[in-house]
PDB file of N, CA and C in Angstrom:
ATOM      1  N   UNK A   1      13.434  24.528  -7.518  1.00  0.00           N
ATOM      2  CA  UNK A   1      12.268  24.943  -7.919  1.00  0.00           C
ATOM      3  C   UNK A   1      11.042  23.865  -6.946  1.00  0.00           C
ATOM      4  N   UNK A   2      11.732  22.879  -6.749  1.00  0.00           N
ATOM      5  CA  UNK A   2      10.397  21.731  -6.178  1.00  0.00           C
ATOM      6  C   UNK A   2      10.725  21.748  -4.892  1.00  0.00           C
ATOM      7  N   UNK A   3      11.357  22.511  -4.183  1.00  0.00           N
ATOM      8  CA  UNK A   3      12.272  22.159  -2.971  1.00  0.00           C
ATOM      9  C   UNK A   3      10.891  22.387  -2.017  1.00  0.00           C
ATOM     10  N   UNK A   4      10.534  21.625  -1.180  1.00  0.00           N
ATOM     11  CA  UNK A   4       9.361  22.114  -0.327  1.00  0.00           C
ATOM     12  C   UNK A   4       9.413  23.220   0.783  1.00  0.00           C
ATOM     13  N   UNK A   5      10.688  23.324   1.207  1.00  0.00           N
ATOM     14  CA  UNK A   5      10.830  24.297   2.714  1.00  0.00           C
ATOM     15  C   UNK A   5      10.486  25.493   1.474  1.00  0.00           C
ATOM     16  N   UNK A   6      11.025  25.800   0.193  1.00  0.00           N
ATOM     17  CA  UNK A   6      10.624  27.431  -0.242  1.00  0.00           C
ATOM     18  C   UNK A   6       9.440  27.335  -0.856  1.00  0.00           C
ATOM     19  N   UNK A   7       8.729  26.237  -1.014  1.00  0.00           N
ATOM     20  CA  UNK A   7       7.346  26.357  -1.691  1.00  0.00           C
ATOM     21  C   UNK A   7       6.385  26.530  -0.162  1.00  0.00           C
ATOM     22  N   UNK A   8       6.913  26.018   0.814  1.00  0.00           N
ATOM     23  CA  UNK A   8       5.946  26.180   2.075  1.00  0.00           C
ATOM     24  C   UNK A   8       6.262  27.434   3.012  1.00  0.00           C
ATOM     25  N   UNK A   9       7.435  27.710   2.982  1.00  0.00           N
ATOM     26  CA  UNK A   9       7.914  28.870   3.399  1.00  0.00           C
ATOM     27  C   UNK A   9       8.597  30.512   3.131  1.00  0.00           C
ATOM     28  N   UNK A  10       8.801  30.201   1.522  1.00  0.00           N
ATOM     29  CA  UNK A  10       9.176  31.306   1.152  1.00  0.00           C
ATOM     30  C   UNK A  10      10.392  31.323   0.517  1.00  0.00           C
ATOM     31  N   UNK A  11      10.959  32.175  -0.404  1.00  0.00           N
ATOM     32  CA  UNK A  11      12.474  32.341  -0.509  1.00  0.00           C
ATOM     33  C   UNK A  11      13.225  32.552   0.399  1.00  0.00           C
ATOM     34  N   UNK A  12      14.421  32.048   0.452  1.00  0.00           N
ATOM     35  CA  UNK A  12      15.420  31.806   1.506  1.00  0.00           C
ATOM     36  C   UNK A  12      15.429  30.959   2.402  1.00  0.00           C
ATOM     37  N   UNK A  13      14.367  29.582   1.888  1.00  0.00           N
ATOM     38  CA  UNK A  13      14.401  28.772   2.818  1.00  0.00           C
ATOM     39  C   UNK A  13      14.281  27.594   1.923  1.00  0.00           C
ATOM     40  N   UNK A  14      15.272  26.429   2.775  1.00  0.00           N
ATOM     41  CA  UNK A  14      15.456  25.535   1.975  1.00  0.00           C
ATOM     42  C   UNK A  14      15.691  23.993   2.658  1.00  0.00           C
ATOM     43  N   UNK A  15      16.069  23.204   1.927  1.00  0.00           N
ATOM     44  CA  UNK A  15      16.177  21.622   2.920  1.00  0.00           C
ATOM     45  C   UNK A  15      17.697  21.833   2.396  1.00  0.00           C
ATOM     46  N   UNK A  16      18.284  21.066   3.784  1.00  0.00           N
ATOM     47  CA  UNK A  16      19.990  21.004   3.884  1.00  0.00           C
ATOM     48  C   UNK A  16      20.500  19.897   2.827  1.00  0.00           C
ATOM     49  N   UNK A  17      21.761  20.268   2.140  1.00  0.00           N
ATOM     50  CA  UNK A  17      22.475  19.574   1.403  1.00  0.00           C
ATOM     51  C   UNK A  17      22.781  18.179   1.764  1.00  0.00           C
ATOM     52  N   UNK A  18      23.179  17.483   1.284  1.00  0.00           N
ATOM     53  CA  UNK A  18      24.035  16.161   1.909  1.00  0.00           C
ATOM     54  C   UNK A  18      24.984  16.644   2.507  1.00  0.00           C
ATOM     55  N   UNK A  19      26.155  17.762   1.926  1.00  0.00           N
ATOM     56  CA  UNK A  19      27.483  18.225   2.998  1.00  0.00           C
ATOM     57  C   UNK A  19      27.017  18.878   4.384  1.00  0.00           C
ATOM     58  N   UNK A  20      26.080  19.161   4.081  1.00  0.00           N
ATOM     59  CA  UNK A  20      25.324  20.050   5.315  1.00  0.00           C
ATOM     60  C   UNK A  20      25.085  18.943   6.444  1.00  0.00           C
ATOM     61  N   UNK A  21      24.628  18.006   6.141  1.00  0.00           N
ATOM     62  CA  UNK A  21      24.186  16.884   6.734  1.00  0.00           C
ATOM     63  C   UNK A  21      25.400  16.420   7.339  1.00  0.00           C
ATOM     64  N   UNK A  22      26.716  15.892   6.434  1.00  0.00           N
ATOM     65  CA  UNK A  22      27.844  15.828   6.937  1.00  0.00           C
ATOM     66  C   UNK A  22      28.604  16.371   7.896  1.00  0.00           C
ATOM     67  N   UNK A  23      28.259  17.821   7.764  1.00  0.00           N
ATOM     68  CA  UNK A  23      28.905  18.832   8.819  1.00  0.00           C
ATOM     69  C   UNK A  23      28.286  18.630  10.115  1.00  0.00           C
ATOM     70  N   UNK A  24      26.978  18.340  10.195  1.00  0.00           N
ATOM     71  CA  UNK A  24      26.053  18.460  11.232  1.00  0.00           C
ATOM     72  C   UNK A  24      26.780  16.929  12.219  1.00  0.00           C
ATOM     73  N   UNK A  25      26.706  15.915  11.314  1.00  0.00           N
ATOM     74  CA  UNK A  25      27.210  14.644  11.745  1.00  0.00           C
ATOM     75  C   UNK A  25      28.622  14.889  12.807  1.00  0.00           C
ATOM     76  N   UNK A  26      29.662  15.723  11.834  1.00  0.00           N
ATOM     77  CA  UNK A  26      31.133  15.993  11.990  1.00  0.00           C
ATOM     78  C   UNK A  26      30.499  16.851  13.334  1.00  0.00           C
ATOM     79  N   UNK A  27      29.758  17.333  13.891  1.00  0.00           N
ATOM     80  CA  UNK A  27      29.810  18.131  14.882  1.00  0.00           C
ATOM     81  C   UNK A  27      29.832  17.268  16.072  1.00  0.00           C
ATOM     82  N   UNK A  28      29.420  16.235  16.012  1.00  0.00           N
ATOM     83  CA  UNK A  28      29.132  15.406  17.128  1.00  0.00           C
ATOM     84  C   UNK A  28      30.176  14.995  17.866  1.00  0.00           C
ATOM     85  N   UNK A  29      30.544  14.236  18.706  1.00  0.00           N
ATOM     86  CA  UNK A  29      30.141  12.712  18.602  1.00  0.00           C
ATOM     87  C   UNK A  29      28.635  12.615  19.192  1.00  0.00           C
ATOM     88  N   UNK A  30      27.366  12.250  18.604  1.00  0.00           N
ATOM     89  CA  UNK A  30      26.000  11.861  19.056  1.00  0.00           C
ATOM     90  C   UNK A  30      26.086  10.477  20.410  1.00  0.00           C
ATOM     91  N   UNK A  31      26.265  10.504  21.587  1.00  0.00           N
ATOM     92  CA  UNK A  31      26.466   9.385  22.397  1.00  0.00           C
ATOM     93  C   UNK A  31      24.822   9.067  23.065  1.00  0.00           C
ATOM     94  N   UNK A  32      24.451  10.542  23.010  1.00  0.00           N
ATOM     95  CA  UNK A  32      22.490  10.082  23.519  1.00  0.00           C
ATOM     96  C   UNK A  32      21.913  10.703  22.657  1.00  0.00           C
ATOM     97  N   UNK A  33      20.760  11.583  22.955  1.00  0.00           N
ATOM     98  CA  UNK A  33      19.515  11.943  22.519  1.00  0.00           C
ATOM     99  C   UNK A  33      20.457  13.623  22.494  1.00  0.00           C
ATOM    100  N   UNK A  34      20.913  14.029  23.621  1.00  0.00           N
ATOM    101  CA  UNK A  34      21.312  15.254  23.781  1.00  0.00           C
ATOM    102  C   UNK A  34      22.064  15.862  22.522  1.00  0.00           C
ATOM    103  N   UNK A  35      22.837  15.151  21.766  1.00  0.00           N
ATOM    104  CA  UNK A  35      23.259  15.777  20.803  1.00  0.00           C
ATOM    105  C   UNK A  35      22.945  16.031  19.187  1.00  0.00           C
ATOM    106  N   UNK A  36      21.672  15.225  18.989  1.00  0.00           N
ATOM    107  CA  UNK A  36      21.249  15.457  18.117  1.00  0.00           C
ATOM    108  C   UNK A  36      19.796  16.954  18.086  1.00  0.00           C
ATOM    109  N   UNK A  37      19.657  16.777  19.404  1.00  0.00           N
ATOM    110  CA  UNK A  37      18.853  17.967  19.642  1.00  0.00           C
ATOM    111  C   UNK A  37      19.457  19.007  19.970  1.00  0.00           C
ATOM    112  N   UNK A  38      20.743  18.998  20.692  1.00  0.00           N
ATOM    113  CA  UNK A  38      21.569  19.945  20.699  1.00  0.00           C
ATOM    114  C   UNK A  38      22.157  20.787  19.634  1.00  0.00           C
ATOM    115  N   UNK A  39      22.147  19.738  18.472  1.00  0.00           N
ATOM    116  CA  UNK A  39      22.938  20.476  17.202  1.00  0.00           C
ATOM    117  C   UNK A  39      22.293  21.961  16.776  1.00  0.00           C
ATOM    118  N   UNK A  40      22.554  22.386  15.722  1.00  0.00           N
ATOM    119  CA  UNK A  40      22.085  23.936  15.583  1.00  0.00           C
ATOM    120  C   UNK A  40      20.564  23.531  14.698  1.00  0.00           C
ATOM    121  N   UNK A  41      20.264  22.279  14.448  1.00  0.00           N
ATOM    122  CA  UNK A  41      19.319  21.816  13.516  1.00  0.00           C
ATOM    123  C   UNK A  41      17.895  21.405  14.496  1.00  0.00           C
ATOM    124  N   UNK A  42      18.526  21.128  15.812  1.00  0.00           N
ATOM    125  CA  UNK A  42      17.412  20.675  16.879  1.00  0.00           C
ATOM    126  C   UNK A  42      16.757  19.463  16.360  1.00  0.00           C
ATOM    127  N   UNK A  43      17.184  17.978  16.096  1.00  0.00           N
ATOM    128  CA  UNK A  43      16.720  17.386  15.507  1.00  0.00           C
ATOM    129  C   UNK A  43      16.367  16.190  16.307  1.00  0.00           C
ATOM    130  N   UNK A  44      15.317  15.352  16.167  1.00  0.00           N
ATOM    131  CA  UNK A  44      14.710  14.408  17.203  1.00  0.00           C
ATOM    132  C   UNK A  44      14.286  13.268  16.557  1.00  0.00           C
ATOM    133  N   UNK A  45      13.992  12.264  17.448  1.00  0.00           N
ATOM    134  CA  UNK A  45      13.581  10.841  17.109  1.00  0.00           C
ATOM    135  C   UNK A  45      12.485  10.727  16.613  1.00  0.00           C
ATOM    136  N   UNK A  46      11.968  11.273  15.255  1.00  0.00           N
ATOM    137  CA  UNK A  46      10.507  11.295  14.953  1.00  0.00           C
ATOM    138  C   UNK A  46      10.068   9.963  14.544  1.00  0.00           C
ATOM    139  N   UNK A  47      11.247   9.176  14.037  1.00  0.00           N
ATOM    140  CA  UNK A  47      10.818   7.908  12.880  1.00  0.00           C
ATOM    141  C   UNK A  47      10.193   8.247  11.678  1.00  0.00           C
ATOM    142  N   UNK A  48       9.736   7.565  11.308  1.00  0.00           N
ATOM    143  CA  UNK A  48       9.473   7.866   9.651  1.00  0.00           C
ATOM    144  C   UNK A  48       8.255   6.588   9.759  1.00  0.00           C
ATOM    145  N   UNK A  49       7.247   7.208   8.296  1.00  0.00           N
ATOM    146  CA  UNK A  49       6.360   6.500   7.610  1.00  0.00           C
ATOM    147  C   UNK A  49       6.728   5.335   6.693  1.00  0.00           C
ATOM    148  N   UNK A  50       6.394   4.163   6.906  1.00  0.00           N
ATOM    149  CA  UNK A  50       6.821   3.181   5.776  1.00  0.00           C
ATOM    150  C   UNK A  50       6.215   2.921   4.745  1.00  0.00           C
ATOM    151  N   UNK A  51       6.868   3.282   3.340  1.00  0.00           N
ATOM    152  CA  UNK A  51       5.996   3.148   2.379  1.00  0.00           C
ATOM    153  C   UNK A  51       5.108   2.061   2.025  1.00  0.00           C
ATOM    154  N   UNK A  52       5.258   0.722   2.732  1.00  0.00           N
ATOM    155  CA  UNK A  52       4.398  -0.430   2.505  1.00  0.00           C
ATOM    156  C   UNK A  52       3.241  -0.348   3.153  1.00  0.00           C
ATOM    157  N   UNK A  53       3.045   0.291   4.275  1.00  0.00           N
ATOM    158  CA  UNK A  53       1.677   0.398   4.776  1.00  0.00           C
ATOM    159  C   UNK A  53       1.409   1.708   5.517  1.00  0.00           C
ATOM    160  N   UNK A  54       2.270   2.777   5.491  1.00  0.00           N
ATOM    161  CA  UNK A  54       2.261   3.789   5.631  1.00  0.00           C
ATOM    162  C   UNK A  54       1.782   3.942   7.682  1.00  0.00           C
ATOM    163  N   UNK A  55       2.539   2.959   8.245  1.00  0.00           N
ATOM    164  CA  UNK A  55       2.672   3.052   9.617  1.00  0.00           C
ATOM    165  C   UNK A  55       3.837   3.448   9.749  1.00  0.00           C
ATOM    166  N   UNK A  56       3.861   4.125  10.959  1.00  0.00           N
ATOM    167  CA  UNK A  56       4.673   5.128  11.726  1.00  0.00           C
ATOM    168  C   UNK A  56       5.796   4.220  12.226  1.00  0.00           C
ATOM    169  N   UNK A  57       6.771   3.985  12.011  1.00  0.00           N
ATOM    170  CA  UNK A  57       8.054   3.094  12.803  1.00  0.00           C
ATOM    171  C   UNK A  57       9.248   3.776  13.554  1.00  0.00           C
ATOM    172  N   UNK A  58       9.585   3.310  14.537  1.00  0.00           N
ATOM    173  CA  UNK A  58      10.993   3.999  15.152  1.00  0.00           C
ATOM    174  C   UNK A  58      10.688   5.492  15.693  1.00  0.00           C
ATOM    175  N   UNK A  59       9.644   5.435  16.025  1.00  0.00           N
ATOM    176  CA  UNK A  59       9.395   7.011  16.401  1.00  0.00           C
ATOM    177  C   UNK A  59       9.964   6.541  17.753  1.00  0.00           C
ATOM    178  N   UNK A  60      11.017   7.844  18.384  1.00  0.00           N
ATOM    179  CA  UNK A  60      11.506   7.968  19.608  1.00  0.00           C
ATOM    180  C   UNK A  60      12.519   7.042  19.711  1.00  0.00           C
ATOM    181  N   UNK A  61      13.315   6.715  18.531  1.00  0.00           N
ATOM    182  CA  UNK A  61      14.608   5.817  18.255  1.00  0.00           C
ATOM    183  C   UNK A  61      15.570   5.852  17.430  1.00  0.00           C
ATOM    184  N   UNK A  62      14.702   6.700  16.344  1.00  0.00           N
ATOM    185  CA  UNK A  62      15.649   6.938  15.233  1.00  0.00           C
ATOM    186  C   UNK A  62      14.906   8.151  14.570  1.00  0.00           C
ATOM    187  N   UNK A  63      16.286   9.041  13.841  1.00  0.00           N
ATOM    188  CA  UNK A  63      15.736  10.373  13.153  1.00  0.00           C
ATOM    189  C   UNK A  63      15.917  10.040  11.466  1.00  0.00           C
ATOM    190  N   UNK A  64      15.161  10.465  10.920  1.00  0.00           N
ATOM    191  CA  UNK A  64      15.202  10.564   9.478  1.00  0.00           C
ATOM    192  C   UNK A  64      15.057  11.782   8.942  1.00  0.00           C
ATOM    193  N   UNK A  65      15.404  12.546   7.908  1.00  0.00           N
ATOM    194  CA  UNK A  65      15.352  13.590   7.720  1.00  0.00           C
ATOM    195  C   UNK A  65      16.059  13.683   6.110  1.00  0.00           C
ATOM    196  N   UNK A  66      15.001  14.273   5.389  1.00  0.00           N
ATOM    197  CA  UNK A  66      15.769  14.538   3.739  1.00  0.00           C
ATOM    198  C   UNK A  66      16.591  15.354   3.507  1.00  0.00           C
ATOM    199  N   UNK A  67      17.483  14.842   2.400  1.00  0.00           N
ATOM    200  CA  UNK A  67      18.455  16.178   1.950  1.00  0.00           C
ATOM    201  C   UNK A  67      17.825  16.320   0.552  1.00  0.00           C
ATOM    202  N   UNK A  68      18.472  17.501   0.079  1.00  0.00           N
ATOM    203  CA  UNK A  68      18.007  18.034  -1.153  1.00  0.00           C
ATOM    204  C   UNK A  68      18.741  17.040  -2.144  1.00  0.00           C
ATOM    205  N   UNK A  69      19.270  16.204  -2.326  1.00  0.00           N
ATOM    206  CA  UNK A  69      19.889  15.620  -3.643  1.00  0.00           C
ATOM    207  C   UNK A  69      19.356  13.945  -4.013  1.00  0.00           C
ATOM    208  N   UNK A  70      18.860  13.703  -5.342  1.00  0.00           N
ATOM    209  CA  UNK A  70      18.429  12.540  -5.504  1.00  0.00           C
ATOM    210  C   UNK A  70      19.326  11.527  -5.630  1.00  0.00           C
ATOM    211  N   UNK A  71      19.100  10.588  -5.645  1.00  0.00           N
ATOM    212  CA  UNK A  71      20.796   9.713  -6.350  1.00  0.00           C
ATOM    213  C   UNK A  71      20.110   8.889  -7.912  1.00  0.00           C
ATOM    214  N   UNK A  72      18.783   9.005  -8.048  1.00  0.00           N
ATOM    215  CA  UNK A  72      18.112   8.694  -8.972  1.00  0.00           C
ATOM    216  C   UNK A  72      16.425   8.748  -9.010  1.00  0.00           C
ATOM    217  N   UNK A  73      15.923   8.239  -9.827  1.00  0.00           N
ATOM    218  CA  UNK A  73      14.576   9.057  -9.758  1.00  0.00           C
ATOM    219  C   UNK A  73      13.775   8.277  -8.715  1.00  0.00           C
ATOM    220  N   UNK A  74      13.940   7.536  -7.892  1.00  0.00           N
ATOM    221  CA  UNK A  74      13.558   6.305  -6.796  1.00  0.00           C
ATOM    222  C   UNK A  74      14.131   6.726  -5.605  1.00  0.00           C
ATOM    223  N   UNK A  75      15.181   7.298  -5.328  1.00  0.00           N
ATOM    224  CA  UNK A  75      15.910   7.408  -4.000  1.00  0.00           C
ATOM    225  C   UNK A  75      16.794   8.932  -3.945  1.00  0.00           C
ATOM    226  N   UNK A  76      16.952   9.189  -2.636  1.00  0.00           N
ATOM    227  CA  UNK A  76      17.396  10.358  -2.492  1.00  0.00           C
ATOM    228  C   UNK A  76      18.077  10.006  -0.932  1.00  0.00           C
ATOM    229  N   UNK A  77      19.009  11.231  -1.037  1.00  0.00           N
ATOM    230  CA  UNK A  77      19.982  11.316   0.345  1.00  0.00           C
ATOM    231  C   UNK A  77      19.108  11.638   1.308  1.00  0.00           C
ATOM    232  N   UNK A  78      19.645  11.618   2.879  1.00  0.00           N
ATOM    233  CA  UNK A  78      18.903  11.897   3.682  1.00  0.00           C
ATOM    234  C   UNK A  78      19.808  11.586   5.199  1.00  0.00           C
ATOM    235  N   UNK A  79      19.314  11.712   6.054  1.00  0.00           N
ATOM    236  CA  UNK A  79      20.327  11.807   7.628  1.00  0.00           C
ATOM    237  C   UNK A  79      19.515  10.866   8.260  1.00  0.00           C
ATOM    238  N   UNK A  80      19.994   9.902   8.683  1.00  0.00           N
ATOM    239  CA  UNK A  80      19.524   8.765   9.593  1.00  0.00           C
ATOM    240  C   UNK A  80      20.266   8.826  10.776  1.00  0.00           C
ATOM    241  N   UNK A  81      19.784   8.775  11.718  1.00  0.00           N
ATOM    242  CA  UNK A  81      20.666   8.555  13.325  1.00  0.00           C
ATOM    243  C   UNK A  81      19.640   8.084  14.218  1.00  0.00           C
ATOM    244  N   UNK A  82      20.764   7.470  15.029  1.00  0.00           N
ATOM    245  CA  UNK A  82      20.236   6.962  16.421  1.00  0.00           C
ATOM    246  C   UNK A  82      20.645   7.687  17.659  1.00  0.00           C
ATOM    247  N   UNK A  83      20.925   7.399  18.552  1.00  0.00           N
ATOM    248  CA  UNK A  83      21.249   8.169  19.941  1.00  0.00           C
ATOM    249  C   UNK A  83      22.787   8.189  19.602  1.00  0.00           C
ATOM    250  N   UNK A  84      23.150   7.364  19.215  1.00  0.00           N
ATOM    251  CA  UNK A  84      24.506   7.233  19.344  1.00  0.00           C
ATOM    252  C   UNK A  84      25.417   7.152  18.206  1.00  0.00           C
ATOM    253  N   UNK A  85      24.881   7.284  17.128  1.00  0.00           N
ATOM    254  CA  UNK A  85      25.182   7.018  15.630  1.00  0.00           C
ATOM    255  C   UNK A  85      24.322   7.912  14.707  1.00  0.00           C
ATOM    256  N   UNK A  86      25.338   7.972  13.613  1.00  0.00           N
ATOM    257  CA  UNK A  86      24.481   8.867  12.402  1.00  0.00           C
ATOM    258  C   UNK A  86      25.196   8.264  10.897  1.00  0.00           C
ATOM    259  N   UNK A  87      24.027   8.353  10.048  1.00  0.00           N
ATOM    260  CA  UNK A  87      24.645   8.009   8.375  1.00  0.00           C
ATOM    261  C   UNK A  87      24.106   8.473   7.374  1.00  0.00           C
ATOM    262  N   UNK A  88      24.557   9.019   6.273  1.00  0.00           N
ATOM    263  CA  UNK A  88      24.098  10.082   5.399  1.00  0.00           C
ATOM    264  C   UNK A  88      23.914   9.139   4.174  1.00  0.00           C
ATOM    265  N   UNK A  89      22.738   7.950   4.356  1.00  0.00           N
ATOM    266  CA  UNK A  89      22.532   7.208   2.687  1.00  0.00           C
ATOM    267  C   UNK A  89      21.891   7.656   2.059  1.00  0.00           C
ATOM    268  N   UNK A  90      21.094   7.041   0.875  1.00  0.00           N
ATOM    269  CA  UNK A  90      20.203   7.345   0.043  1.00  0.00           C
ATOM    270  C   UNK A  90      19.175   6.309   0.321  1.00  0.00           C
ATOM    271  N   UNK A  91      17.568   6.654   0.054  1.00  0.00           N
ATOM    272  CA  UNK A  91      16.735   5.536   0.517  1.00  0.00           C
ATOM    273  C   UNK A  91      15.663   5.919  -0.329  1.00  0.00           C
ATOM    274  N   UNK A  92      14.457   5.278  -0.391  1.00  0.00           N
ATOM    275  CA  UNK A  92      13.590   5.266  -1.073  1.00  0.00           C
ATOM    276  C   UNK A  92      12.730   6.371  -0.944  1.00  0.00           C
ATOM    277  N   UNK A  93      12.532   7.603  -1.909  1.00  0.00           N
ATOM    278  CA  UNK A  93      11.460   8.967  -1.910  1.00  0.00           C
ATOM    279  C   UNK A  93      10.173   8.251  -1.624  1.00  0.00           C
ATOM    280  N   UNK A  94       9.691   7.244  -1.313  1.00  0.00           N
ATOM    281  CA  UNK A  94       8.301   6.507  -0.869  1.00  0.00           C
ATOM    282  C   UNK A  94       8.458   6.499   0.634  1.00  0.00           C
ATOM    283  N   UNK A  95       9.135   6.967   0.907  1.00  0.00           N
ATOM    284  CA  UNK A  95       9.611   6.662   2.736  1.00  0.00           C
ATOM    285  C   UNK A  95       9.017   8.154   3.084  1.00  0.00           C
ATOM    286  N   UNK A  96       8.445   8.090   4.196  1.00  0.00           N
ATOM    287  CA  UNK A  96       7.753   9.026   4.597  1.00  0.00           C
ATOM    288  C   UNK A  96       8.768   9.984   5.828  1.00  0.00           C
ATOM    289  N   UNK A  97      10.169  10.331   5.666  1.00  0.00           N
ATOM    290  CA  UNK A  97      11.082  11.034   6.505  1.00  0.00           C
ATOM    291  C   UNK A  97      10.592  12.363   6.564  1.00  0.00           C
ATOM    292  N   UNK A  98      10.722  12.967   7.850  1.00  0.00           N
ATOM    293  CA  UNK A  98      10.972  14.340   7.782  1.00  0.00           C
ATOM    294  C   UNK A  98      11.296  15.319   6.874  1.00  0.00           C
ATOM    295  N   UNK A  99      11.066  16.538   7.182  1.00  0.00           N
ATOM    296  CA  UNK A  99      12.276  17.714   6.443  1.00  0.00           C
ATOM    297  C   UNK A  99      12.265  18.722   7.292  1.00  0.00           C
ATOM    298  N   UNK A 100      13.702  19.208   7.374  1.00  0.00           N
ATOM    299  CA  UNK A 100      14.051  20.256   8.592  1.00  0.00           C
ATOM    300  C   UNK A 100      14.263  21.125   7.444  1.00  0.00           C
ATOM    301  N   UNK A 101      14.000  22.357   7.749  1.00  0.00           N
ATOM    302  CA  UNK A 101      14.283  23.564   6.363  1.00  0.00           C
ATOM    303  C   UNK A 101      15.404  24.033   7.487  1.00  0.00           C
ATOM    304  N   UNK A 102      15.936  24.955   6.524  1.00  0.00           N
ATOM    305  CA  UNK A 102      17.198  26.096   7.186  1.00  0.00           C
ATOM    306  C   UNK A 102      17.248  27.092   6.468  1.00  0.00           C
ATOM    307  N   UNK A 103      17.170  28.056   6.833  1.00  0.00           N
ATOM    308  CA  UNK A 103      17.111  29.497   6.198  1.00  0.00           C
ATOM    309  C   UNK A 103      18.324  30.075   5.714  1.00  0.00           C
ATOM    310  N   UNK A 104      18.811  30.514   4.578  1.00  0.00           N
ATOM    311  CA  UNK A 104      19.833  31.399   4.426  1.00  0.00           C
ATOM    312  C   UNK A 104      20.434  32.071   5.043  1.00  0.00           C
TER     313      UNK A 104
END
């Protein structure tokens, strides 16, 4: 009910699950920026907005994308990557990460 993709784009759109992020990562290896961009989700290194000061950090060097699962009231799953590596951690929801919507 609170999925931003459904709210903004309508029924059939949603934020990827952590499992879907793991599957995108497994389709790698990502050894340069062509890997994330060539994936089915066309991922880019957009950086993030830091919750402490609202500044844009790591633009062009790191990608941060929200998943749809929260770890607790303050943290949620996300995909984090550079040109050569990828992780699926849980980070503070106050971070300004990108949202990549997918259609069912």
